[in-house]
All heavy atoms as atom14 arrays in JSON, in Angstrom:
{
  "sequence": "RVSGTAMRDQRIVVFGAGTAGCGIADQLRDAMVRDGLDRDTATRRI",
  "atom14_mask": [
    [1, 1, 1, 1, 1, 1, 1, 1, 1, 1, 1, 0, 0, 0],
    [1, 1, 1, 1, 1, 1, 1, 0, 0, 0, 0, 0, 0, 0],
    [1, 1, 1, 1, 1, 1, 0, 0, 0, 0, 0, 0, 0, 0],
    [1, 1, 1, 1, 0, 0, 0, 0, 0, 0, 0, 0, 0, 0],
    [1, 1, 1, 1, 1, 1, 1, 0, 0, 0, 0, 0, 0, 0],
    [1, 1, 1, 1, 1, 0, 0, 0, 0, 0, 0, 0, 0, 0],
    [1, 1, 1, 1, 1, 1, 1, 1, 0, 0, 0, 0, 0, 0],
    [1, 1, 1, 1, 1, 1, 1, 1, 1, 1, 1, 0, 0, 0],
    [1, 1, 1, 1, 1, 1, 1, 1, 0, 0, 0, 0, 0, 0],
    [1, 1, 1, 1, 1, 1, 1, 1, 1, 0, 0, 0, 0, 0],
    [1, 1, 1, 1, 1, 1, 1, 1, 1, 1, 1, 0, 0, 0],
    [1, 1, 1, 1, 1, 1, 1, 1, 0, 0, 0, 0, 0, 0],
    [1, 1, 1, 1, 1, 1, 1, 0, 0, 0, 0, 0, 0, 0],
    [1, 1, 1, 1, 1, 1, 1, 0, 0, 0, 0, 0, 0, 0],
    [1, 1, 1, 1, 1, 1, 1, 1, 1, 1, 1, 0, 0, 0],
    [1, 1, 1, 1, 0, 0, 0, 0, 0, 0, 0, 0, 0, 0],
    [1, 1, 1, 1, 1, 0, 0, 0, 0, 0, 0, 0, 0, 0],
    [1, 1, 1, 1, 0, 0, 0, 0, 0, 0, 0, 0, 0, 0],
    [1, 1, 1, 1, 1, 1, 1, 0, 0, 0, 0, 0, 0, 0],
    [1, 1, 1, 1, 1, 0, 0, 0, 0, 0, 0, 0, 0, 0],
    [1, 1, 1, 1, 0, 0, 0, 0, 0, 0, 0, 0, 0, 0],
    [1, 1, 1, 1, 1, 1, 0, 0, 0, 0, 0, 0, 0, 0],
    [1, 1, 1, 1, 0, 0, 0, 0, 0, 0, 0, 0, 0, 0],
    [1, 1, 1, 1, 1, 1, 1, 1, 0, 0, 0, 0, 0, 0],
    [1, 1, 1, 1, 1, 0, 0, 0, 0, 0, 0, 0, 0, 0],
    [1, 1, 1, 1, 1, 1, 1, 1, 0, 0, 0, 0, 0, 0],
    [1, 1, 1, 1, 1, 1, 1, 1, 1, 0, 0, 0, 0, 0],
    [1, 1, 1, 1, 1, 1, 1, 1, 0, 0, 0, 0, 0, 0],
    [1, 1, 1, 1, 1, 1, 1, 1, 1, 1, 1, 0, 0, 0],
    [1, 1, 1, 1, 1, 1, 1, 1, 0, 0, 0, 0, 0, 0],
    [1, 1, 1, 1, 1, 0, 0, 0, 0, 0, 0, 0, 0, 0],
    [1, 1, 1, 1, 1, 1, 1, 1, 0, 0, 0, 0, 0, 0],
    [1, 1, 1, 1, 1, 1, 1, 0, 0, 0, 0, 0, 0, 0],
    [1, 1, 1, 1, 1, 1, 1, 1, 1, 1, 1, 0, 0, 0],
    [1, 1, 1, 1, 1, 1, 1, 1, 0, 0, 0, 0, 0, 0],
    [1, 1, 1, 1, 0, 0, 0, 0, 0, 0, 0, 0, 0, 0],
    [1, 1, 1, 1, 1, 1, 1, 1, 0, 0, 0, 0, 0, 0],
    [1, 1, 1, 1, 1, 1, 1, 1, 0, 0, 0, 0, 0, 0],
    [1, 1, 1, 1, 1, 1, 1, 1, 1, 1, 1, 0, 0, 0],
    [1, 1, 1, 1, 1, 1, 1, 1, 0, 0, 0, 0, 0, 0],
    [1, 1, 1, 1, 1, 1, 1, 0, 0, 0, 0, 0, 0, 0],
    [1, 1, 1, 1, 1, 0, 0, 0, 0, 0, 0, 0, 0, 0],
    [1, 1, 1, 1, 1, 1, 1, 0, 0, 0, 0, 0, 0, 0],
    [1, 1, 1, 1, 1, 1, 1, 1, 1, 1, 1, 0, 0, 0],
    [1, 1, 1, 1, 1, 1, 1, 1, 1, 1, 1, 0, 0, 0],
    [1, 1, 1, 1, 1, 1, 1, 1, 0, 0, 0, 0, 0, 0]
  ],
  "atom14_positions": [
    [[0.84, -1.2, 0.0], [0.0, 0.0, 0.0], [0.87, 1.25, 0.0], [0.59, 2.22, -0.72], [-0.93, 0.0, 1.22], [-2.11, -0.95, 1.11], [-2.77, -1.18, 2.46], [-3.24, 0.05, 3.1], [-3.61, 0.13, 4.38], [-3.53, -0.95, 5.16], [-4.04, 1.27, 4.87], [0.0, 0.0, 0.0], [0.0, 0.0, 0.0], [0.0, 0.0, 0.0]],
    [[1.94, 1.24, 0.79], [2.82, 2.4, 0.86], [3.6, 2.57, -0.44], [3.76, 3.69, -0.95], [3.8, 2.26, 2.05], [4.76, 3.44, 2.08], [3.04, 2.17, 3.36], [0.0, 0.0, 0.0], [0.0, 0.0, 0.0], [0.0, 0.0, 0.0], [0.0, 0.0, 0.0], [0.0, 0.0, 0.0], [0.0, 0.0, 0.0], [0.0, 0.0, 0.0]],
    [[4.11, 1.46, -0.96], [4.97, 1.55, -2.15], [4.18, 1.81, -3.42], [4.77, 2.19, -4.45], [5.77, 0.26, -2.31], [4.91, -0.85, -2.58], [0.0, 0.0, 0.0], [0.0, 0.0, 0.0], [0.0, 0.0, 0.0], [0.0, 0.0, 0.0], [0.0, 0.0, 0.0], [0.0, 0.0, 0.0], [0.0, 0.0, 0.0], [0.0, 0.0, 0.0]],
    [[2.87, 1.62, -3.37], [2.05, 1.85, -4.55], [2.19, 0.78, -5.61], [1.85, 0.99, -6.77], [0.0, 0.0, 0.0], [0.0, 0.0, 0.0], [0.0, 0.0, 0.0], [0.0, 0.0, 0.0], [0.0, 0.0, 0.0], [0.0, 0.0, 0.0], [0.0, 0.0, 0.0], [0.0, 0.0, 0.0], [0.0, 0.0, 0.0], [0.0, 0.0, 0.0]],
    [[2.67, -0.38, -5.21], [2.83, -1.5, -6.13], [1.79, -2.56, -5.84], [1.08, -2.5, -4.83], [4.24, -2.11, -6.03], [4.45, -2.55, -4.68], [5.3, -1.08, -6.39], [0.0, 0.0, 0.0], [0.0, 0.0, 0.0], [0.0, 0.0, 0.0], [0.0, 0.0, 0.0], [0.0, 0.0, 0.0], [0.0, 0.0, 0.0], [0.0, 0.0, 0.0]],
    [[1.7, -3.56, -6.71], [0.73, -4.64, -6.55], [1.43, -5.9, -6.07], [2.63, -6.11, -6.34], [0.02, -4.91, -7.87], [0.0, 0.0, 0.0], [0.0, 0.0, 0.0], [0.0, 0.0, 0.0], [0.0, 0.0, 0.0], [0.0, 0.0, 0.0], [0.0, 0.0, 0.0], [0.0, 0.0, 0.0], [0.0, 0.0, 0.0], [0.0, 0.0, 0.0]],
    [[0.72, -6.76, -5.37], [1.3, -8.02, -4.92], [1.81, -8.82, -6.11], [2.88, -9.45, -6.05], [0.27, -8.84, -4.15], [0.17, -8.51, -2.67], [1.69, -8.77, -1.72], [2.06, -10.49, -2.05], [0.0, 0.0, 0.0], [0.0, 0.0, 0.0], [0.0, 0.0, 0.0], [0.0, 0.0, 0.0], [0.0, 0.0, 0.0], [0.0, 0.0, 0.0]],
    [[1.08, -8.8, -7.21], [1.46, -9.64, -8.35], [2.77, -9.19, -9.0], [3.38, -9.92, -9.79], [0.35, -9.63, -9.4], [0.05, -8.27, -9.99], [-1.11, -8.31, -10.98], [-1.46, -6.99, -11.47], [-2.3, -6.17, -10.87], [-2.88, -6.56, -9.73], [-2.57, -4.98, -11.36], [0.0, 0.0, 0.0], [0.0, 0.0, 0.0], [0.0, 0.0, 0.0]],
    [[3.23, -7.98, -8.67], [4.44, -7.45, -9.28], [5.68, -7.63, -8.41], [6.77, -7.18, -8.79], [4.27, -5.95, -9.59], [3.2, -5.69, -10.64], [3.04, -6.56, -11.52], [2.53, -4.65, -10.55], [0.0, 0.0, 0.0], [0.0, 0.0, 0.0], [0.0, 0.0, 0.0], [0.0, 0.0, 0.0], [0.0, 0.0, 0.0], [0.0, 0.0, 0.0]],
    [[5.54, -8.27, -7.26], [6.67, -8.39, -6.34], [7.66, -9.46, -6.82], [7.3, -10.45, -7.44], [6.18, -8.76, -4.93], [5.18, -7.78, -4.35], [5.68, -6.33, -4.37], [6.8, -6.05, -3.94], [4.84, -5.44, -4.88], [0.0, 0.0, 0.0], [0.0, 0.0, 0.0], [0.0, 0.0, 0.0], [0.0, 0.0, 0.0], [0.0, 0.0, 0.0]],
    [[8.93, -9.21, -6.5], [10.0, -10.19, -6.67], [10.6, -10.39, -5.28], [11.14, -9.46, -4.69], [11.07, -9.71, -7.65], [10.54, -9.49, -9.07], [11.64, -9.05, -10.02], [12.33, -7.85, -9.58], [11.86, -6.62, -9.71], [10.68, -6.42, -10.3], [12.56, -5.58, -9.28], [0.0, 0.0, 0.0], [0.0, 0.0, 0.0], [0.0, 0.0, 0.0]],
    [[10.5, -11.6, -4.77], [10.76, -11.86, -3.36], [11.93, -12.81, -3.2], [11.96, -13.89, -3.81], [9.49, -12.46, -2.69], [8.32, -11.49, -2.81], [9.77, -12.81, -1.23], [6.97, -12.11, -2.47], [0.0, 0.0, 0.0], [0.0, 0.0, 0.0], [0.0, 0.0, 0.0], [0.0, 0.0, 0.0], [0.0, 0.0, 0.0], [0.0, 0.0, 0.0]],
    [[12.9, -12.42, -2.36], [14.0, -13.29, -2.0], [13.83, -13.69, -0.54], [13.71, -12.82, 0.34], [15.36, -12.6, -2.19], [16.49, -13.43, -1.58], [15.63, -12.37, -3.68], [0.0, 0.0, 0.0], [0.0, 0.0, 0.0], [0.0, 0.0, 0.0], [0.0, 0.0, 0.0], [0.0, 0.0, 0.0], [0.0, 0.0, 0.0], [0.0, 0.0, 0.0]],
    [[13.76, -14.99, -0.3], [13.63, -15.53, 1.05], [14.98, -16.1, 1.47], [15.48, -17.06, 0.88], [12.55, -16.64, 1.11], [12.46, -17.22, 2.52], [11.2, -16.09, 0.67], [0.0, 0.0, 0.0], [0.0, 0.0, 0.0], [0.0, 0.0, 0.0], [0.0, 0.0, 0.0], [0.0, 0.0, 0.0], [0.0, 0.0, 0.0], [0.0, 0.0, 0.0]],
    [[15.58, -15.49, 2.48], [16.89, -15.92, 2.98], [16.67, -16.74, 4.24], [16.43, -16.21, 5.32], [17.78, -14.7, 3.26], [19.2, -15.06, 3.63], [20.05, -15.6, 2.68], [19.67, -14.86, 4.92], [21.36, -15.92, 3.02], [20.96, -15.19, 5.26], [21.82, -15.73, 4.3], [0.0, 0.0, 0.0], [0.0, 0.0, 0.0], [0.0, 0.0, 0.0]],
    [[16.7, -18.07, 4.08], [16.38, -18.99, 5.17], [15.18, -19.82, 4.76], [14.05, -19.51, 5.12], [0.0, 0.0, 0.0], [0.0, 0.0, 0.0], [0.0, 0.0, 0.0], [0.0, 0.0, 0.0], [0.0, 0.0, 0.0], [0.0, 0.0, 0.0], [0.0, 0.0, 0.0], [0.0, 0.0, 0.0], [0.0, 0.0, 0.0], [0.0, 0.0, 0.0]],
    [[15.42, -20.89, 3.97], [14.33, -21.65, 3.36], [13.97, -22.87, 4.18], [13.85, -23.98, 3.67], [14.72, -22.06, 1.93], [0.0, 0.0, 0.0], [0.0, 0.0, 0.0], [0.0, 0.0, 0.0], [0.0, 0.0, 0.0], [0.0, 0.0, 0.0], [0.0, 0.0, 0.0], [0.0, 0.0, 0.0], [0.0, 0.0, 0.0], [0.0, 0.0, 0.0]],
    [[13.76, -22.67, 5.48], [13.3, -23.74, 6.34], [11.78, -23.79, 6.38], [11.09, -23.25, 5.5], [0.0, 0.0, 0.0], [0.0, 0.0, 0.0], [0.0, 0.0, 0.0], [0.0, 0.0, 0.0], [0.0, 0.0, 0.0], [0.0, 0.0, 0.0], [0.0, 0.0, 0.0], [0.0, 0.0, 0.0], [0.0, 0.0, 0.0], [0.0, 0.0, 0.0]],
    [[11.27, -24.42, 7.43], [9.82, -24.56, 7.56], [9.13, -23.2, 7.58], [8.12, -22.98, 6.9], [9.48, -25.33, 8.84], [10.1, -26.61, 8.8], [7.98, -25.51, 8.98], [0.0, 0.0, 0.0], [0.0, 0.0, 0.0], [0.0, 0.0, 0.0], [0.0, 0.0, 0.0], [0.0, 0.0, 0.0], [0.0, 0.0, 0.0], [0.0, 0.0, 0.0]],
    [[9.66, -22.26, 8.38], [9.05, -20.94, 8.49], [9.19, -20.17, 7.18], [8.22, -19.6, 6.67], [9.67, -20.16, 9.64], [0.0, 0.0, 0.0], [0.0, 0.0, 0.0], [0.0, 0.0, 0.0], [0.0, 0.0, 0.0], [0.0, 0.0, 0.0], [0.0, 0.0, 0.0], [0.0, 0.0, 0.0], [0.0, 0.0, 0.0], [0.0, 0.0, 0.0]],
    [[10.4, -20.15, 6.62], [10.63, -19.38, 5.4], [9.76, -19.85, 4.25], [9.17, -19.03, 3.54], [0.0, 0.0, 0.0], [0.0, 0.0, 0.0], [0.0, 0.0, 0.0], [0.0, 0.0, 0.0], [0.0, 0.0, 0.0], [0.0, 0.0, 0.0], [0.0, 0.0, 0.0], [0.0, 0.0, 0.0], [0.0, 0.0, 0.0], [0.0, 0.0, 0.0]],
    [[9.67, -21.15, 4.05], [8.85, -21.66, 2.96], [7.36, -21.55, 3.27], [6.54, -21.38, 2.36], [9.24, -23.11, 2.65], [10.86, -23.25, 1.84], [0.0, 0.0, 0.0], [0.0, 0.0, 0.0], [0.0, 0.0, 0.0], [0.0, 0.0, 0.0], [0.0, 0.0, 0.0], [0.0, 0.0, 0.0], [0.0, 0.0, 0.0], [0.0, 0.0, 0.0]],
    [[7.0, -21.62, 4.56], [5.61, -21.4, 4.93], [5.18, -19.97, 4.61], [4.07, -19.74, 4.12], [0.0, 0.0, 0.0], [0.0, 0.0, 0.0], [0.0, 0.0, 0.0], [0.0, 0.0, 0.0], [0.0, 0.0, 0.0], [0.0, 0.0, 0.0], [0.0, 0.0, 0.0], [0.0, 0.0, 0.0], [0.0, 0.0, 0.0], [0.0, 0.0, 0.0]],
    [[6.07, -19.01, 4.84], [5.79, -17.62, 4.47], [5.71, -17.5, 2.96], [4.82, -16.84, 2.42], [6.87, -16.69, 5.04], [6.84, -16.71, 6.57], [6.68, -15.27, 4.53], [8.04, -16.04, 7.21], [0.0, 0.0, 0.0], [0.0, 0.0, 0.0], [0.0, 0.0, 0.0], [0.0, 0.0, 0.0], [0.0, 0.0, 0.0], [0.0, 0.0, 0.0]],
    [[6.67, -18.13, 2.27], [6.66, -18.08, 0.81], [5.34, -18.59, 0.26], [4.79, -18.03, -0.7], [7.83, -18.89, 0.26], [0.0, 0.0, 0.0], [0.0, 0.0, 0.0], [0.0, 0.0, 0.0], [0.0, 0.0, 0.0], [0.0, 0.0, 0.0], [0.0, 0.0, 0.0], [0.0, 0.0, 0.0], [0.0, 0.0, 0.0], [0.0, 0.0, 0.0]],
    [[4.81, -19.65, 0.83], [3.53, -20.2, 0.38], [2.43, -19.16, 0.46], [1.62, -19.01, -0.48], [3.14, -21.41, 1.23], [3.99, -22.64, 0.97], [4.75, -22.66, -0.02], [3.9, -23.59, 1.78], [0.0, 0.0, 0.0], [0.0, 0.0, 0.0], [0.0, 0.0, 0.0], [0.0, 0.0, 0.0], [0.0, 0.0, 0.0], [0.0, 0.0, 0.0]],
    [[2.37, -18.44, 1.57], [1.28, -17.47, 1.74], [1.48, -16.26, 0.84], [0.51, -15.7, 0.32], [1.15, -17.08, 3.2], [0.73, -18.26, 4.07], [0.01, -17.84, 5.33], [-0.74, -16.89, 5.36], [0.25, -18.59, 6.39], [0.0, 0.0, 0.0], [0.0, 0.0, 0.0], [0.0, 0.0, 0.0], [0.0, 0.0, 0.0], [0.0, 0.0, 0.0]],
    [[2.73, -15.83, 0.62], [2.99, -14.72, -0.3], [2.67, -15.14, -1.73], [2.11, -14.35, -2.5], [4.44, -14.28, -0.17], [4.86, -13.7, 1.19], [6.34, -13.37, 1.2], [4.04, -12.46, 1.54], [0.0, 0.0, 0.0], [0.0, 0.0, 0.0], [0.0, 0.0, 0.0], [0.0, 0.0, 0.0], [0.0, 0.0, 0.0], [0.0, 0.0, 0.0]],
    [[3.02, -16.37, -2.09], [2.66, -16.89, -3.42], [1.15, -16.9, -3.61], [0.63, -16.45, -4.65], [3.21, -18.3, -3.57], [2.82, -19.01, -4.87], [2.9, -20.51, -4.69], [2.0, -20.99, -3.64], [2.15, -22.12, -2.97], [3.19, -22.9, -3.2], [1.27, -22.48, -2.04], [0.0, 0.0, 0.0], [0.0, 0.0, 0.0], [0.0, 0.0, 0.0]],
    [[0.43, -17.39, -2.59], [-1.03, -17.46, -2.71], [-1.64, -16.06, -2.82], [-2.64, -15.87, -3.53], [-1.61, -18.19, -1.5], [-1.25, -19.68, -1.48], [-0.77, -20.19, -2.51], [-1.43, -20.3, -0.42], [0.0, 0.0, 0.0], [0.0, 0.0, 0.0], [0.0, 0.0, 0.0], [0.0, 0.0, 0.0], [0.0, 0.0, 0.0], [0.0, 0.0, 0.0]],
    [[-1.02, -15.08, -2.15], [-1.51, -13.7, -2.25], [-1.31, -13.16, -3.67], [-2.16, -12.43, -4.19], [-0.8, -12.81, -1.23], [0.0, 0.0, 0.0], [0.0, 0.0, 0.0], [0.0, 0.0, 0.0], [0.0, 0.0, 0.0], [0.0, 0.0, 0.0], [0.0, 0.0, 0.0], [0.0, 0.0, 0.0], [0.0, 0.0, 0.0], [0.0, 0.0, 0.0]],
    [[-0.2, -13.52, -4.3], [0.03, -13.1, -5.69], [-0.97, -13.77, -6.63], [-1.41, -13.16, -7.62], [1.47, -13.39, -6.1], [2.48, -12.46, -5.43], [4.17, -12.58, -6.11], [4.77, -14.05, -5.28], [0.0, 0.0, 0.0], [0.0, 0.0, 0.0], [0.0, 0.0, 0.0], [0.0, 0.0, 0.0], [0.0, 0.0, 0.0], [0.0, 0.0, 0.0]],
    [[-1.31, -15.02, -6.33], [-2.31, -15.71, -7.14], [-3.66, -15.0, -7.02], [-4.36, -14.78, -8.03], [-2.43, -17.18, -6.71], [-3.64, -17.85, -7.37], [-1.15, -17.95, -7.06], [0.0, 0.0, 0.0], [0.0, 0.0, 0.0], [0.0, 0.0, 0.0], [0.0, 0.0, 0.0], [0.0, 0.0, 0.0], [0.0, 0.0, 0.0], [0.0, 0.0, 0.0]],
    [[-4.01, -14.63, -5.79], [-5.29, -13.91, -5.6], [-5.27, -12.56, -6.3], [-6.32, -12.01, -6.63], [-5.56, -13.73, -4.1], [-5.9, -15.01, -3.38], [-6.4, -14.74, -1.98], [-5.36, -14.2, -1.11], [-4.54, -14.94, -0.36], [-4.62, -16.26, -0.39], [-3.63, -14.37, 0.41], [0.0, 0.0, 0.0], [0.0, 0.0, 0.0], [0.0, 0.0, 0.0]],
    [[-4.06, -12.03, -6.58], [-3.94, -10.74, -7.25], [-3.79, -10.89, -8.76], [-3.45, -9.92, -9.44], [-2.75, -9.97, -6.67], [-2.85, -8.47, -6.91], [-3.99, -7.93, -6.91], [-1.8, -7.83, -7.11], [0.0, 0.0, 0.0], [0.0, 0.0, 0.0], [0.0, 0.0, 0.0], [0.0, 0.0, 0.0], [0.0, 0.0, 0.0], [0.0, 0.0, 0.0]],
    [[-4.01, -12.1, -9.28], [-4.11, -12.25, -10.73], [-3.12, -13.16, -11.4], [-3.28, -13.47, -12.59], [0.0, 0.0, 0.0], [0.0, 0.0, 0.0], [0.0, 0.0, 0.0], [0.0, 0.0, 0.0], [0.0, 0.0, 0.0], [0.0, 0.0, 0.0], [0.0, 0.0, 0.0], [0.0, 0.0, 0.0], [0.0, 0.0, 0.0], [0.0, 0.0, 0.0]],
    [[-2.06, -13.61, -10.69], [-1.09, -14.51, -11.32], [-1.56, -15.95, -11.24], [-2.3, -16.32, -10.33], [0.28, -14.39, -10.64], [1.0, -13.04, -10.7], [2.37, -13.17, -10.05], [1.15, -12.56, -12.14], [0.0, 0.0, 0.0], [0.0, 0.0, 0.0], [0.0, 0.0, 0.0], [0.0, 0.0, 0.0], [0.0, 0.0, 0.0], [0.0, 0.0, 0.0]],
    [[-1.12, -16.77, -12.19], [-1.34, -18.2, -12.03], [-0.31, -18.73, -11.04], [0.71, -18.09, -10.75], [-1.27, -18.93, -13.36], [0.1, -18.85, -14.01], [1.04, -19.51, -13.54], [0.24, -18.08, -14.99], [0.0, 0.0, 0.0], [0.0, 0.0, 0.0], [0.0, 0.0, 0.0], [0.0, 0.0, 0.0], [0.0, 0.0, 0.0], [0.0, 0.0, 0.0]],
    [[-0.54, -19.94, -10.52], [0.29, -20.47, -9.44], [1.74, -20.64, -9.87], [2.66, -20.28, -9.11], [-0.29, -21.81, -8.96], [0.4, -22.39, -7.74], [-0.23, -23.74, -7.37], [0.39, -24.35, -6.2], [0.03, -24.15, -4.96], [-0.96, -23.32, -4.69], [0.65, -24.77, -3.97], [0.0, 0.0, 0.0], [0.0, 0.0, 0.0], [0.0, 0.0, 0.0]],
    [[1.98, -21.13, -11.04], [3.36, -21.34, -11.49], [4.11, -20.02, -11.62], [5.28, -19.9, -11.22], [3.38, -22.09, -12.82], [3.01, -23.56, -12.68], [3.06, -24.07, -11.53], [2.65, -24.19, -13.68], [0.0, 0.0, 0.0], [0.0, 0.0, 0.0], [0.0, 0.0, 0.0], [0.0, 0.0, 0.0], [0.0, 0.0, 0.0], [0.0, 0.0, 0.0]],
    [[3.47, -19.03, -12.2], [4.11, -17.72, -12.36], [4.41, -17.1, -11.0], [5.49, -16.54, -10.78], [3.23, -16.78, -13.19], [2.98, -17.37, -14.47], [3.89, -15.42, -13.38], [0.0, 0.0, 0.0], [0.0, 0.0, 0.0], [0.0, 0.0, 0.0], [0.0, 0.0, 0.0], [0.0, 0.0, 0.0], [0.0, 0.0, 0.0], [0.0, 0.0, 0.0]],
    [[3.46, -17.2, -10.07], [3.68, -16.66, -8.73], [4.85, -17.36, -8.05], [5.68, -16.72, -7.4], [2.41, -16.79, -7.9], [0.0, 0.0, 0.0], [0.0, 0.0, 0.0], [0.0, 0.0, 0.0], [0.0, 0.0, 0.0], [0.0, 0.0, 0.0], [0.0, 0.0, 0.0], [0.0, 0.0, 0.0], [0.0, 0.0, 0.0], [0.0, 0.0, 0.0]],
    [[4.92, -18.67, -8.19], [6.02, -19.43, -7.58], [7.36, -18.99, -8.15], [8.36, -18.88, -7.42], [5.83, -20.94, -7.8], [4.56, -21.34, -7.28], [6.93, -21.74, -7.13], [0.0, 0.0, 0.0], [0.0, 0.0, 0.0], [0.0, 0.0, 0.0], [0.0, 0.0, 0.0], [0.0, 0.0, 0.0], [0.0, 0.0, 0.0], [0.0, 0.0, 0.0]],
    [[7.39, -18.69, -9.44], [8.65, -18.27, -10.1], [9.09, -16.88, -9.67], [10.21, -16.47, -9.98], [8.47, -18.29, -11.62], [8.27, -19.65, -12.26], [9.45, -20.58, -12.04], [9.31, -21.39, -10.85], [10.27, -22.06, -10.27], [11.5, -22.0, -10.73], [10.06, -22.79, -9.2], [0.0, 0.0, 0.0], [0.0, 0.0, 0.0], [0.0, 0.0, 0.0]],
    [[8.24, -16.14, -8.98], [8.61, -14.81, -8.51], [9.2, -14.83, -7.09], [9.34, -13.8, -6.45], [7.4, -13.87, -8.58], [6.88, -13.68, -10.0], [5.8, -12.62, -10.08], [6.35, -11.28, -9.94], [6.86, -10.56, -10.94], [6.91, -11.06, -12.15], [7.33, -9.34, -10.72], [0.0, 0.0, 0.0], [0.0, 0.0, 0.0], [0.0, 0.0, 0.0]],
    [[9.52, -16.03, -6.63], [10.12, -16.2, -5.29], [11.42, -16.98, -5.44], [11.45, -18.06, -6.06], [9.16, -16.94, -4.35], [7.87, -16.14, -4.16], [9.83, -17.21, -3.0], [6.79, -16.84, -3.34], [0.0, 0.0, 0.0], [0.0, 0.0, 0.0], [0.0, 0.0, 0.0], [0.0, 0.0, 0.0], [0.0, 0.0, 0.0], [0.0, 0.0, 0.0]]
  ]
}
C-alpha cells in the first residue's frame, strides 16, 4: 500500500528456506495468485 505497487508485481527473495521461510513463501505466493497470477508464475517470482 505504501509503495504503490501490486502483490502480483513483487520479486521476493527468502533468505532462510526452512519450515518458516517456505511457509511464508507459500502465503505470499497465494496472495500473488489472488492478485491475478497463475500459481506457477507466482512461484517463479520467489
